[in-house]
Structure formats: structure tokens, C-alpha cells
Amino acid sequence: YNDKHNEANGEENRDGHGNNLSWNMGAEGDTDDAEVLQARHKQQRN
């Protein structure tokens, strides 16, 4: 995820930190893109 998704908290996604130093590797959230998934697997290991 590049951005937070806090809608379940009932505050219209206003809560939580906005600067997460994250990178979705090419797709936001769940994906079936094999290349993106492989990149994520490697990045978690890094």
C-alpha cells in the first residue's frame, strides 16, 4: 500500500499517520499480478 485505508475506523480515513514510507510495488492492495507479488515477496525478505 502507498496510502492508508482506515475507513473501518469510522473517521473517514482521517486518522492514522499519512507518511508511511511504504511502496506498493506497482498495485495498491491485493493483486494477482505475478510480477508485483514476486517483488513484494522479495521486499519483505529484504
All heavy atoms as atom14 arrays in JSON, in Angstrom:
{
  "sequence": "YNDKHNEANGEENRDGHGNNLSWNMGAEGDTDDAEVLQARHKQQRN",
  "atom14_mask": [
    [1, 1, 1, 1, 1, 1, 1, 1, 1, 1, 1, 1, 0, 0],
    [1, 1, 1, 1, 1, 1, 1, 1, 0, 0, 0, 0, 0, 0],
    [1, 1, 1, 1, 1, 1, 1, 1, 0, 0, 0, 0, 0, 0],
    [1, 1, 1, 1, 1, 1, 1, 1, 1, 0, 0, 0, 0, 0],
    [1, 1, 1, 1, 1, 1, 1, 1, 1, 1, 0, 0, 0, 0],
    [1, 1, 1, 1, 1, 1, 1, 1, 0, 0, 0, 0, 0, 0],
    [1, 1, 1, 1, 1, 1, 1, 1, 1, 0, 0, 0, 0, 0],
    [1, 1, 1, 1, 1, 0, 0, 0, 0, 0, 0, 0, 0, 0],
    [1, 1, 1, 1, 1, 1, 1, 1, 0, 0, 0, 0, 0, 0],
    [1, 1, 1, 1, 0, 0, 0, 0, 0, 0, 0, 0, 0, 0],
    [1, 1, 1, 1, 1, 1, 1, 1, 1, 0, 0, 0, 0, 0],
    [1, 1, 1, 1, 1, 1, 1, 1, 1, 0, 0, 0, 0, 0],
    [1, 1, 1, 1, 1, 1, 1, 1, 0, 0, 0, 0, 0, 0],
    [1, 1, 1, 1, 1, 1, 1, 1, 1, 1, 1, 0, 0, 0],
    [1, 1, 1, 1, 1, 1, 1, 1, 0, 0, 0, 0, 0, 0],
    [1, 1, 1, 1, 0, 0, 0, 0, 0, 0, 0, 0, 0, 0],
    [1, 1, 1, 1, 1, 1, 1, 1, 1, 1, 0, 0, 0, 0],
    [1, 1, 1, 1, 0, 0, 0, 0, 0, 0, 0, 0, 0, 0],
    [1, 1, 1, 1, 1, 1, 1, 1, 0, 0, 0, 0, 0, 0],
    [1, 1, 1, 1, 1, 1, 1, 1, 0, 0, 0, 0, 0, 0],
    [1, 1, 1, 1, 1, 1, 1, 1, 0, 0, 0, 0, 0, 0],
    [1, 1, 1, 1, 1, 1, 0, 0, 0, 0, 0, 0, 0, 0],
    [1, 1, 1, 1, 1, 1, 1, 1, 1, 1, 1, 1, 1, 1],
    [1, 1, 1, 1, 1, 1, 1, 1, 0, 0, 0, 0, 0, 0],
    [1, 1, 1, 1, 1, 1, 1, 1, 0, 0, 0, 0, 0, 0],
    [1, 1, 1, 1, 0, 0, 0, 0, 0, 0, 0, 0, 0, 0],
    [1, 1, 1, 1, 1, 0, 0, 0, 0, 0, 0, 0, 0, 0],
    [1, 1, 1, 1, 1, 1, 1, 1, 1, 0, 0, 0, 0, 0],
    [1, 1, 1, 1, 0, 0, 0, 0, 0, 0, 0, 0, 0, 0],
    [1, 1, 1, 1, 1, 1, 1, 1, 0, 0, 0, 0, 0, 0],
    [1, 1, 1, 1, 1, 1, 1, 0, 0, 0, 0, 0, 0, 0],
    [1, 1, 1, 1, 1, 1, 1, 1, 0, 0, 0, 0, 0, 0],
    [1, 1, 1, 1, 1, 1, 1, 1, 0, 0, 0, 0, 0, 0],
    [1, 1, 1, 1, 1, 0, 0, 0, 0, 0, 0, 0, 0, 0],
    [1, 1, 1, 1, 1, 1, 1, 1, 1, 0, 0, 0, 0, 0],
    [1, 1, 1, 1, 1, 1, 1, 0, 0, 0, 0, 0, 0, 0],
    [1, 1, 1, 1, 1, 1, 1, 1, 0, 0, 0, 0, 0, 0],
    [1, 1, 1, 1, 1, 1, 1, 1, 1, 0, 0, 0, 0, 0],
    [1, 1, 1, 1, 1, 0, 0, 0, 0, 0, 0, 0, 0, 0],
    [1, 1, 1, 1, 1, 1, 1, 1, 1, 1, 1, 0, 0, 0],
    [1, 1, 1, 1, 1, 1, 1, 1, 1, 1, 0, 0, 0, 0],
    [1, 1, 1, 1, 1, 1, 1, 1, 1, 0, 0, 0, 0, 0],
    [1, 1, 1, 1, 1, 1, 1, 1, 1, 0, 0, 0, 0, 0],
    [1, 1, 1, 1, 1, 1, 1, 1, 1, 0, 0, 0, 0, 0],
    [1, 1, 1, 1, 1, 1, 1, 1, 1, 1, 1, 0, 0, 0],
    [1, 1, 1, 1, 1, 1, 1, 1, 0, 0, 0, 0, 0, 0]
  ],
  "atom14_positions": [
    [[0.84, -1.2, 0.0], [0.0, 0.0, 0.0], [0.87, 1.25, 0.0], [1.82, 1.36, 0.78], [-0.91, 0.03, 1.23], [-1.95, -1.06, 1.25], [-1.68, -2.28, 1.88], [-3.18, -0.89, 0.65], [-2.62, -3.3, 1.89], [-4.14, -1.89, 0.66], [-3.86, -3.1, 1.28], [-4.79, -4.1, 1.28], [0.0, 0.0, 0.0], [0.0, 0.0, 0.0]],
    [[0.5, 2.2, -0.86], [1.12, 3.53, -0.81], [0.41, 4.42, 0.2], [1.02, 5.34, 0.75], [1.07, 4.19, -2.18], [2.05, 3.59, -3.17], [2.95, 2.85, -2.79], [1.88, 3.91, -4.44], [0.0, 0.0, 0.0], [0.0, 0.0, 0.0], [0.0, 0.0, 0.0], [0.0, 0.0, 0.0], [0.0, 0.0, 0.0], [0.0, 0.0, 0.0]],
    [[-0.87, 4.17, 0.42], [-1.69, 5.03, 1.26], [-2.43, 4.2, 2.31], [-2.69, 3.01, 2.12], [-2.72, 5.79, 0.41], [-2.06, 6.61, -0.69], [-1.22, 7.47, -0.35], [-2.38, 6.38, -1.87], [0.0, 0.0, 0.0], [0.0, 0.0, 0.0], [0.0, 0.0, 0.0], [0.0, 0.0, 0.0], [0.0, 0.0, 0.0], [0.0, 0.0, 0.0]],
    [[-2.78, 4.86, 3.41], [-3.55, 4.19, 4.45], [-5.01, 4.02, 4.0], [-5.53, 4.81, 3.22], [-3.48, 4.98, 5.76], [-4.01, 6.4, 5.69], [-3.76, 7.14, 6.99], [-4.1, 8.61, 6.92], [-5.54, 8.9, 6.84], [0.0, 0.0, 0.0], [0.0, 0.0, 0.0], [0.0, 0.0, 0.0], [0.0, 0.0, 0.0], [0.0, 0.0, 0.0]],
    [[-5.64, 2.99, 4.55], [-7.04, 2.7, 4.24], [-7.74, 2.39, 5.56], [-7.97, 1.24, 5.91], [-7.13, 1.53, 3.26], [-6.52, 1.82, 1.93], [-7.24, 2.33, 0.86], [-5.24, 1.71, 1.49], [-6.44, 2.5, -0.18], [-5.21, 2.14, 0.18], [0.0, 0.0, 0.0], [0.0, 0.0, 0.0], [0.0, 0.0, 0.0], [0.0, 0.0, 0.0]],
    [[-8.11, 3.45, 6.28], [-8.61, 3.32, 7.65], [-10.11, 3.54, 7.75], [-10.63, 3.92, 8.8], [-7.89, 4.33, 8.57], [-6.4, 4.07, 8.68], [-5.88, 3.12, 8.11], [-5.71, 4.9, 9.42], [0.0, 0.0, 0.0], [0.0, 0.0, 0.0], [0.0, 0.0, 0.0], [0.0, 0.0, 0.0], [0.0, 0.0, 0.0], [0.0, 0.0, 0.0]],
    [[-10.84, 3.32, 6.66], [-12.27, 3.6, 6.65], [-13.03, 2.85, 7.74], [-14.01, 3.35, 8.29], [-12.85, 3.25, 5.28], [-12.44, 4.19, 4.15], [-11.04, 3.9, 3.6], [-10.44, 2.87, 4.0], [-10.55, 4.71, 2.79], [0.0, 0.0, 0.0], [0.0, 0.0, 0.0], [0.0, 0.0, 0.0], [0.0, 0.0, 0.0], [0.0, 0.0, 0.0]],
    [[-12.57, 1.64, 8.09], [-13.26, 0.83, 9.1], [-13.26, 1.49, 10.47], [-14.06, 1.12, 11.34], [-12.64, -0.56, 9.19], [0.0, 0.0, 0.0], [0.0, 0.0, 0.0], [0.0, 0.0, 0.0], [0.0, 0.0, 0.0], [0.0, 0.0, 0.0], [0.0, 0.0, 0.0], [0.0, 0.0, 0.0], [0.0, 0.0, 0.0], [0.0, 0.0, 0.0]],
    [[-12.4, 2.47, 10.69], [-12.32, 3.13, 12.0], [-13.42, 4.16, 12.21], [-13.54, 4.73, 13.3], [-10.95, 3.81, 12.16], [-9.81, 2.81, 12.12], [-10.01, 1.61, 12.2], [-8.59, 3.31, 11.96], [0.0, 0.0, 0.0], [0.0, 0.0, 0.0], [0.0, 0.0, 0.0], [0.0, 0.0, 0.0], [0.0, 0.0, 0.0], [0.0, 0.0, 0.0]],
    [[-14.18, 4.45, 11.17], [-15.31, 5.36, 11.31], [-14.94, 6.82, 11.38], [-15.73, 7.64, 11.86], [0.0, 0.0, 0.0], [0.0, 0.0, 0.0], [0.0, 0.0, 0.0], [0.0, 0.0, 0.0], [0.0, 0.0, 0.0], [0.0, 0.0, 0.0], [0.0, 0.0, 0.0], [0.0, 0.0, 0.0], [0.0, 0.0, 0.0], [0.0, 0.0, 0.0]],
    [[-13.75, 7.19, 10.89], [-13.34, 8.59, 10.92], [-13.02, 9.1, 9.51], [-12.22, 10.02, 9.34], [-12.13, 8.76, 11.84], [-12.41, 8.37, 13.28], [-11.2, 8.55, 14.2], [-10.57, 9.63, 14.12], [-10.89, 7.62, 14.97], [0.0, 0.0, 0.0], [0.0, 0.0, 0.0], [0.0, 0.0, 0.0], [0.0, 0.0, 0.0], [0.0, 0.0, 0.0]],
    [[-13.62, 8.47, 8.51], [-13.48, 8.87, 7.12], [-12.02, 8.93, 6.67], [-11.63, 9.79, 5.91], [-14.18, 10.23, 6.88], [-15.68, 10.17, 7.16], [-16.36, 11.51, 6.92], [-15.65, 12.54, 6.78], [-17.61, 11.52, 6.88], [0.0, 0.0, 0.0], [0.0, 0.0, 0.0], [0.0, 0.0, 0.0], [0.0, 0.0, 0.0], [0.0, 0.0, 0.0]],
    [[-11.23, 8.0, 7.2], [-9.82, 7.84, 6.83], [-8.96, 9.04, 7.23], [-7.87, 9.24, 6.71], [-9.67, 7.57, 5.32], [-8.38, 6.84, 4.98], [-7.87, 6.05, 5.75], [-7.84, 7.12, 3.8], [0.0, 0.0, 0.0], [0.0, 0.0, 0.0], [0.0, 0.0, 0.0], [0.0, 0.0, 0.0], [0.0, 0.0, 0.0], [0.0, 0.0, 0.0]],
    [[-9.44, 9.83, 8.2], [-8.67, 11.0, 8.64], [-7.63, 10.61, 9.69], [-6.67, 11.34, 9.91], [-9.59, 12.07, 9.22], [-10.53, 12.73, 8.21], [-11.26, 13.91, 8.85], [-12.0, 13.5, 10.02], [-13.29, 13.14, 10.02], [-13.96, 13.13, 8.86], [-13.9, 12.79, 11.11], [0.0, 0.0, 0.0], [0.0, 0.0, 0.0], [0.0, 0.0, 0.0]],
    [[-7.84, 9.5, 10.38], [-6.95, 9.09, 11.46], [-5.75, 8.34, 10.9], [-5.74, 7.91, 9.75], [-7.7, 8.2, 12.46], [-8.2, 6.93, 11.8], [-8.89, 7.02, 10.77], [-7.9, 5.83, 12.3], [0.0, 0.0, 0.0], [0.0, 0.0, 0.0], [0.0, 0.0, 0.0], [0.0, 0.0, 0.0], [0.0, 0.0, 0.0], [0.0, 0.0, 0.0]],
    [[-4.74, 8.15, 11.73], [-3.55, 7.42, 11.31], [-2.57, 8.31, 10.59], [-2.9, 9.36, 10.04], [0.0, 0.0, 0.0], [0.0, 0.0, 0.0], [0.0, 0.0, 0.0], [0.0, 0.0, 0.0], [0.0, 0.0, 0.0], [0.0, 0.0, 0.0], [0.0, 0.0, 0.0], [0.0, 0.0, 0.0], [0.0, 0.0, 0.0], [0.0, 0.0, 0.0]],
    [[-1.32, 7.88, 10.59], [-0.23, 8.65, 10.01], [-0.29, 8.59, 8.49], [-0.55, 7.55, 7.9], [1.12, 8.11, 10.49], [2.23, 9.12, 10.47], [2.75, 9.63, 9.3], [2.9, 9.72, 11.48], [3.71, 10.49, 9.59], [3.82, 10.56, 10.91], [0.0, 0.0, 0.0], [0.0, 0.0, 0.0], [0.0, 0.0, 0.0], [0.0, 0.0, 0.0]],
    [[-0.04, 9.73, 7.84], [-0.1, 9.79, 6.39], [1.21, 9.49, 5.69], [1.22, 9.19, 4.5], [0.0, 0.0, 0.0], [0.0, 0.0, 0.0], [0.0, 0.0, 0.0], [0.0, 0.0, 0.0], [0.0, 0.0, 0.0], [0.0, 0.0, 0.0], [0.0, 0.0, 0.0], [0.0, 0.0, 0.0], [0.0, 0.0, 0.0], [0.0, 0.0, 0.0]],
    [[2.32, 9.55, 6.43], [3.63, 9.31, 5.83], [4.15, 7.97, 6.3], [4.78, 7.85, 7.35], [4.61, 10.43, 6.2], [5.97, 10.23, 5.58], [6.11, 9.53, 4.57], [6.99, 10.83, 6.16], [0.0, 0.0, 0.0], [0.0, 0.0, 0.0], [0.0, 0.0, 0.0], [0.0, 0.0, 0.0], [0.0, 0.0, 0.0], [0.0, 0.0, 0.0]],
    [[3.93, 6.93, 5.5], [4.24, 5.57, 5.93], [5.52, 5.0, 5.34], [5.89, 3.87, 5.65], [3.07, 4.65, 5.57], [1.82, 4.99, 6.35], [1.7, 4.72, 7.52], [0.87, 5.64, 5.67], [0.0, 0.0, 0.0], [0.0, 0.0, 0.0], [0.0, 0.0, 0.0], [0.0, 0.0, 0.0], [0.0, 0.0, 0.0], [0.0, 0.0, 0.0]],
    [[6.2, 5.77, 4.46], [7.42, 5.28, 3.81], [7.2, 3.88, 3.25], [8.03, 2.98, 3.41], [8.59, 5.3, 4.8], [9.05, 6.69, 5.24], [10.03, 6.59, 6.4], [9.68, 7.45, 4.08], [0.0, 0.0, 0.0], [0.0, 0.0, 0.0], [0.0, 0.0, 0.0], [0.0, 0.0, 0.0], [0.0, 0.0, 0.0], [0.0, 0.0, 0.0]],
    [[6.07, 3.71, 2.6], [5.71, 2.42, 2.02], [5.68, 2.53, 0.5], [5.66, 3.62, -0.07], [4.33, 1.98, 2.54], [3.33, 2.95, 2.18], [0.0, 0.0, 0.0], [0.0, 0.0, 0.0], [0.0, 0.0, 0.0], [0.0, 0.0, 0.0], [0.0, 0.0, 0.0], [0.0, 0.0, 0.0], [0.0, 0.0, 0.0], [0.0, 0.0, 0.0]],
    [[5.68, 1.37, -0.15], [5.63, 1.32, -1.61], [4.92, 0.04, -2.02], [5.3, -1.06, -1.61], [7.06, 1.34, -2.19], [7.12, 1.25, -3.68], [6.2, 1.71, -4.57], [8.18, 0.67, -4.45], [6.61, 1.45, -5.86], [7.81, 0.82, -5.81], [9.38, 0.04, -4.13], [8.62, 0.35, -6.85], [10.18, -0.41, -5.15], [9.81, -0.26, -6.5]],
    [[3.87, 0.19, -2.82], [3.04, -0.96, -3.18], [3.61, -1.8, -4.31], [2.97, -2.78, -4.73], [1.62, -0.51, -3.51], [1.55, 0.38, -4.74], [2.44, 0.38, -5.59], [0.48, 1.16, -4.85], [0.0, 0.0, 0.0], [0.0, 0.0, 0.0], [0.0, 0.0, 0.0], [0.0, 0.0, 0.0], [0.0, 0.0, 0.0], [0.0, 0.0, 0.0]],
    [[4.74, -1.46, -4.83], [5.44, -2.22, -5.87], [4.69, -2.28, -7.2], [4.99, -3.12, -8.05], [5.76, -3.65, -5.4], [6.31, -3.78, -3.99], [7.87, -2.9, -3.73], [9.0, -3.91, -4.67], [0.0, 0.0, 0.0], [0.0, 0.0, 0.0], [0.0, 0.0, 0.0], [0.0, 0.0, 0.0], [0.0, 0.0, 0.0], [0.0, 0.0, 0.0]],
    [[3.69, -1.4, -7.36], [3.03, -1.33, -8.66], [1.54, -1.55, -8.65], [0.88, -1.36, -9.68], [0.0, 0.0, 0.0], [0.0, 0.0, 0.0], [0.0, 0.0, 0.0], [0.0, 0.0, 0.0], [0.0, 0.0, 0.0], [0.0, 0.0, 0.0], [0.0, 0.0, 0.0], [0.0, 0.0, 0.0], [0.0, 0.0, 0.0], [0.0, 0.0, 0.0]],
    [[0.95, -1.93, -7.53], [-0.51, -2.1, -7.44], [-0.93, -1.84, -6.0], [-0.25, -2.27, -5.06], [-0.92, -3.51, -7.87], [0.0, 0.0, 0.0], [0.0, 0.0, 0.0], [0.0, 0.0, 0.0], [0.0, 0.0, 0.0], [0.0, 0.0, 0.0], [0.0, 0.0, 0.0], [0.0, 0.0, 0.0], [0.0, 0.0, 0.0], [0.0, 0.0, 0.0]],
    [[-2.03, -1.15, -5.8], [-2.5, -0.82, -4.46], [-3.31, -1.97, -3.88], [-4.38, -2.33, -4.4], [-3.32, 0.47, -4.48], [-3.74, 0.99, -3.11], [-2.58, 1.63, -2.33], [-1.43, 1.61, -2.83], [-2.82, 2.13, -1.23], [0.0, 0.0, 0.0], [0.0, 0.0, 0.0], [0.0, 0.0, 0.0], [0.0, 0.0, 0.0], [0.0, 0.0, 0.0]],
    [[-2.79, -2.58, -2.81], [-3.52, -3.64, -2.13], [-3.42, -4.98, -2.83], [-2.43, -5.28, -3.52], [0.0, 0.0, 0.0], [0.0, 0.0, 0.0], [0.0, 0.0, 0.0], [0.0, 0.0, 0.0], [0.0, 0.0, 0.0], [0.0, 0.0, 0.0], [0.0, 0.0, 0.0], [0.0, 0.0, 0.0], [0.0, 0.0, 0.0], [0.0, 0.0, 0.0]],
    [[-4.45, -5.78, -2.66], [-4.45, -7.13, -3.22], [-4.35, -7.09, -4.74], [-4.94, -6.22, -5.4], [-5.73, -7.87, -2.82], [-5.76, -8.23, -1.35], [-4.69, -8.28, -0.74], [-6.87, -8.46, -0.83], [0.0, 0.0, 0.0], [0.0, 0.0, 0.0], [0.0, 0.0, 0.0], [0.0, 0.0, 0.0], [0.0, 0.0, 0.0], [0.0, 0.0, 0.0]],
    [[-3.61, -8.04, -5.28], [-3.44, -8.13, -6.73], [-3.12, -9.56, -7.1], [-2.65, -10.34, -6.25], [-2.31, -7.2, -7.21], [-2.2, -7.29, -8.63], [-0.98, -7.58, -6.59], [0.0, 0.0, 0.0], [0.0, 0.0, 0.0], [0.0, 0.0, 0.0], [0.0, 0.0, 0.0], [0.0, 0.0, 0.0], [0.0, 0.0, 0.0], [0.0, 0.0, 0.0]],
    [[-3.38, -9.92, -8.35], [-2.96, -11.24, -8.85], [-1.84, -11.1, -9.87], [-1.52, -12.05, -10.57], [-4.14, -12.0, -9.46], [-4.84, -11.22, -10.57], [-4.34, -10.13, -10.95], [-5.89, -11.69, -11.06], [0.0, 0.0, 0.0], [0.0, 0.0, 0.0], [0.0, 0.0, 0.0], [0.0, 0.0, 0.0], [0.0, 0.0, 0.0], [0.0, 0.0, 0.0]],
    [[-1.23, -9.9, -9.92], [-0.11, -9.66, -10.83], [1.12, -10.39, -10.29], [1.66, -10.05, -9.23], [0.15, -8.16, -10.92], [1.21, -7.8, -11.96], [2.3, -8.41, -11.94], [0.94, -6.89, -12.78], [0.0, 0.0, 0.0], [0.0, 0.0, 0.0], [0.0, 0.0, 0.0], [0.0, 0.0, 0.0], [0.0, 0.0, 0.0], [0.0, 0.0, 0.0]],
    [[1.56, -11.42, -11.02], [2.66, -12.26, -10.55], [3.94, -11.49, -10.34], [4.69, -11.74, -9.39], [2.88, -13.41, -11.53], [0.0, 0.0, 0.0], [0.0, 0.0, 0.0], [0.0, 0.0, 0.0], [0.0, 0.0, 0.0], [0.0, 0.0, 0.0], [0.0, 0.0, 0.0], [0.0, 0.0, 0.0], [0.0, 0.0, 0.0], [0.0, 0.0, 0.0]],
    [[4.22, -10.52, -11.22], [5.45, -9.75, -11.09], [5.43, -8.88, -9.84], [6.43, -8.79, -9.11], [5.64, -8.89, -12.34], [6.96, -8.15, -12.38], [7.17, -7.37, -13.67], [6.46, -7.65, -14.65], [8.05, -6.49, -13.68], [0.0, 0.0, 0.0], [0.0, 0.0, 0.0], [0.0, 0.0, 0.0], [0.0, 0.0, 0.0], [0.0, 0.0, 0.0]],
    [[4.28, -8.27, -9.56], [4.15, -7.45, -8.36], [4.27, -8.32, -7.11], [4.96, -7.97, -6.14], [2.81, -6.69, -8.36], [2.56, -6.02, -7.01], [2.8, -5.64, -9.47], [0.0, 0.0, 0.0], [0.0, 0.0, 0.0], [0.0, 0.0, 0.0], [0.0, 0.0, 0.0], [0.0, 0.0, 0.0], [0.0, 0.0, 0.0], [0.0, 0.0, 0.0]],
    [[3.62, -9.46, -7.12], [3.67, -10.36, -5.97], [5.09, -10.83, -5.7], [5.53, -10.9, -4.54], [2.74, -11.55, -6.19], [1.23, -11.23, -6.17], [0.43, -12.46, -6.54], [0.81, -10.7, -4.8], [0.0, 0.0, 0.0], [0.0, 0.0, 0.0], [0.0, 0.0, 0.0], [0.0, 0.0, 0.0], [0.0, 0.0, 0.0], [0.0, 0.0, 0.0]],
    [[5.83, -11.16, -6.74], [7.21, -11.6, -6.57], [8.06, -10.49, -5.97], [8.89, -10.72, -5.09], [7.79, -12.06, -7.91], [9.23, -12.52, -7.84], [9.44, -13.68, -6.88], [8.57, -14.53, -6.74], [10.58, -13.71, -6.21], [0.0, 0.0, 0.0], [0.0, 0.0, 0.0], [0.0, 0.0, 0.0], [0.0, 0.0, 0.0], [0.0, 0.0, 0.0]],
    [[7.85, -9.27, -6.44], [8.6, -8.13, -5.91], [8.27, -7.91, -4.43], [9.16, -7.6, -3.62], [8.28, -6.87, -6.72], [0.0, 0.0, 0.0], [0.0, 0.0, 0.0], [0.0, 0.0, 0.0], [0.0, 0.0, 0.0], [0.0, 0.0, 0.0], [0.0, 0.0, 0.0], [0.0, 0.0, 0.0], [0.0, 0.0, 0.0], [0.0, 0.0, 0.0]],
    [[7.01, -8.08, -4.07], [6.62, -7.92, -2.67], [7.24, -9.0, -1.79], [7.7, -8.72, -0.67], [5.09, -7.95, -2.54], [4.4, -6.73, -3.12], [2.89, -6.87, -3.03], [2.19, -5.7, -3.55], [0.86, -5.6, -3.63], [0.1, -6.61, -3.23], [0.31, -4.5, -4.12], [0.0, 0.0, 0.0], [0.0, 0.0, 0.0], [0.0, 0.0, 0.0]],
    [[7.23, -10.23, -2.28], [7.84, -11.31, -1.5], [9.31, -11.0, -1.22], [9.8, -11.19, -0.09], [7.72, -12.63, -2.27], [6.31, -13.12, -2.41], [5.92, -14.02, -3.37], [5.18, -12.81, -1.72], [4.62, -14.25, -3.26], [4.15, -13.53, -2.27], [0.0, 0.0, 0.0], [0.0, 0.0, 0.0], [0.0, 0.0, 0.0], [0.0, 0.0, 0.0]],
    [[10.01, -10.55, -2.22], [11.44, -10.24, -2.05], [11.63, -9.05, -1.11], [12.53, -9.06, -0.26], [12.05, -9.96, -3.42], [13.55, -9.75, -3.39], [14.14, -9.7, -4.8], [13.49, -8.62, -5.66], [14.16, -8.47, -6.97], [0.0, 0.0, 0.0], [0.0, 0.0, 0.0], [0.0, 0.0, 0.0], [0.0, 0.0, 0.0], [0.0, 0.0, 0.0]],
    [[10.78, -8.04, -1.24], [10.93, -6.84, -0.41], [10.68, -7.15, 1.06], [11.34, -6.6, 1.95], [10.0, -5.74, -0.91], [10.32, -4.35, -0.39], [11.5, -3.71, -1.09], [12.48, -4.37, -1.42], [11.42, -2.41, -1.32], [0.0, 0.0, 0.0], [0.0, 0.0, 0.0], [0.0, 0.0, 0.0], [0.0, 0.0, 0.0], [0.0, 0.0, 0.0]],
    [[9.73, -8.02, 1.35], [9.5, -8.42, 2.75], [10.75, -9.1, 3.31], [11.15, -8.86, 4.45], [8.3, -9.37, 2.84], [6.96, -8.69, 2.61], [5.81, -9.67, 2.66], [5.33, -10.02, 3.74], [5.36, -10.14, 1.51], [0.0, 0.0, 0.0], [0.0, 0.0, 0.0], [0.0, 0.0, 0.0], [0.0, 0.0, 0.0], [0.0, 0.0, 0.0]],
    [[11.38, -9.93, 2.5], [12.6, -10.61, 2.94], [13.74, -9.61, 3.14], [14.55, -9.75, 4.06], [12.99, -11.68, 1.91], [12.11, -12.93, 1.97], [12.19, -13.74, 0.68], [11.51, -15.03, 0.8], [10.19, -15.19, 0.78], [9.4, -14.13, 0.65], [9.66, -16.4, 0.89], [0.0, 0.0, 0.0], [0.0, 0.0, 0.0], [0.0, 0.0, 0.0]],
    [[13.81, -8.6, 2.28], [14.85, -7.57, 2.45], [14.7, -6.86, 3.78], [15.69, -6.63, 4.51], [14.76, -6.54, 1.31], [15.16, -7.11, -0.03], [15.9, -8.08, -0.12], [14.68, -6.49, -1.1], [0.0, 0.0, 0.0], [0.0, 0.0, 0.0], [0.0, 0.0, 0.0], [0.0, 0.0, 0.0], [0.0, 0.0, 0.0], [0.0, 0.0, 0.0]]
  ]
}
